């Protein structure tokens, strides 16, 4: 029962259209029809020209993840499956919003909130890989995102379990379960990066 409650609850939290509401309210712009059409912090900034709006959207998306992670932990009673499922389903809700025909964002900020409330070391690892991808390999946000989404799980799996015990906020006895969940989350997120990467390298979809 807890599993279904958490899946439904976290999915609905993920579907809260933060960028759509903020951009529509502040500028009267439909974020789905502006710029890249992606309802995220970057497109919110690019579509409005307002860094403040971009930051607001970013923080709200992070808070969605934090709320979902915290509620999953409380409801699950530290049971692995419901707790970890909540971390995934809030991202799915954000990326595939049933109320907008399955359209959604790319899930990075929401994932950062969800995993950050569990263990900030995970988010730090992703940021390190992102910086490496951006400044060393290719100065493109989407390419750097993809590099981090592939590289961060590899680093996480190679990190000793003791490190997670030092940096954890919400205790997770099964560290391997957390590592696997993070890898699954990265897979869900990278699916939303396929199109912008194709656009960047000039591959047309048939």
Foldseek 3Di string as FASTA:
>chain_A
DLQVVLLVVLLVLLQPLLQQVLLCVPPVDRCCPFDPNASALVSSCVRVVDNVSSVRRLVSLLVSLQVSLVVQCVSVVLDLNSNLSSLQNSQCSQCQPVVVVGHHHLRPSSNCNNVCQFFNVLVVLLVVQLCCCCPPPHVDNLRSNLRSLVPSLVVLVVDDPVVRVVGGNRDRPPSVSVSVSSNVNSVSNVVVSPVVVCVVVVHDDD
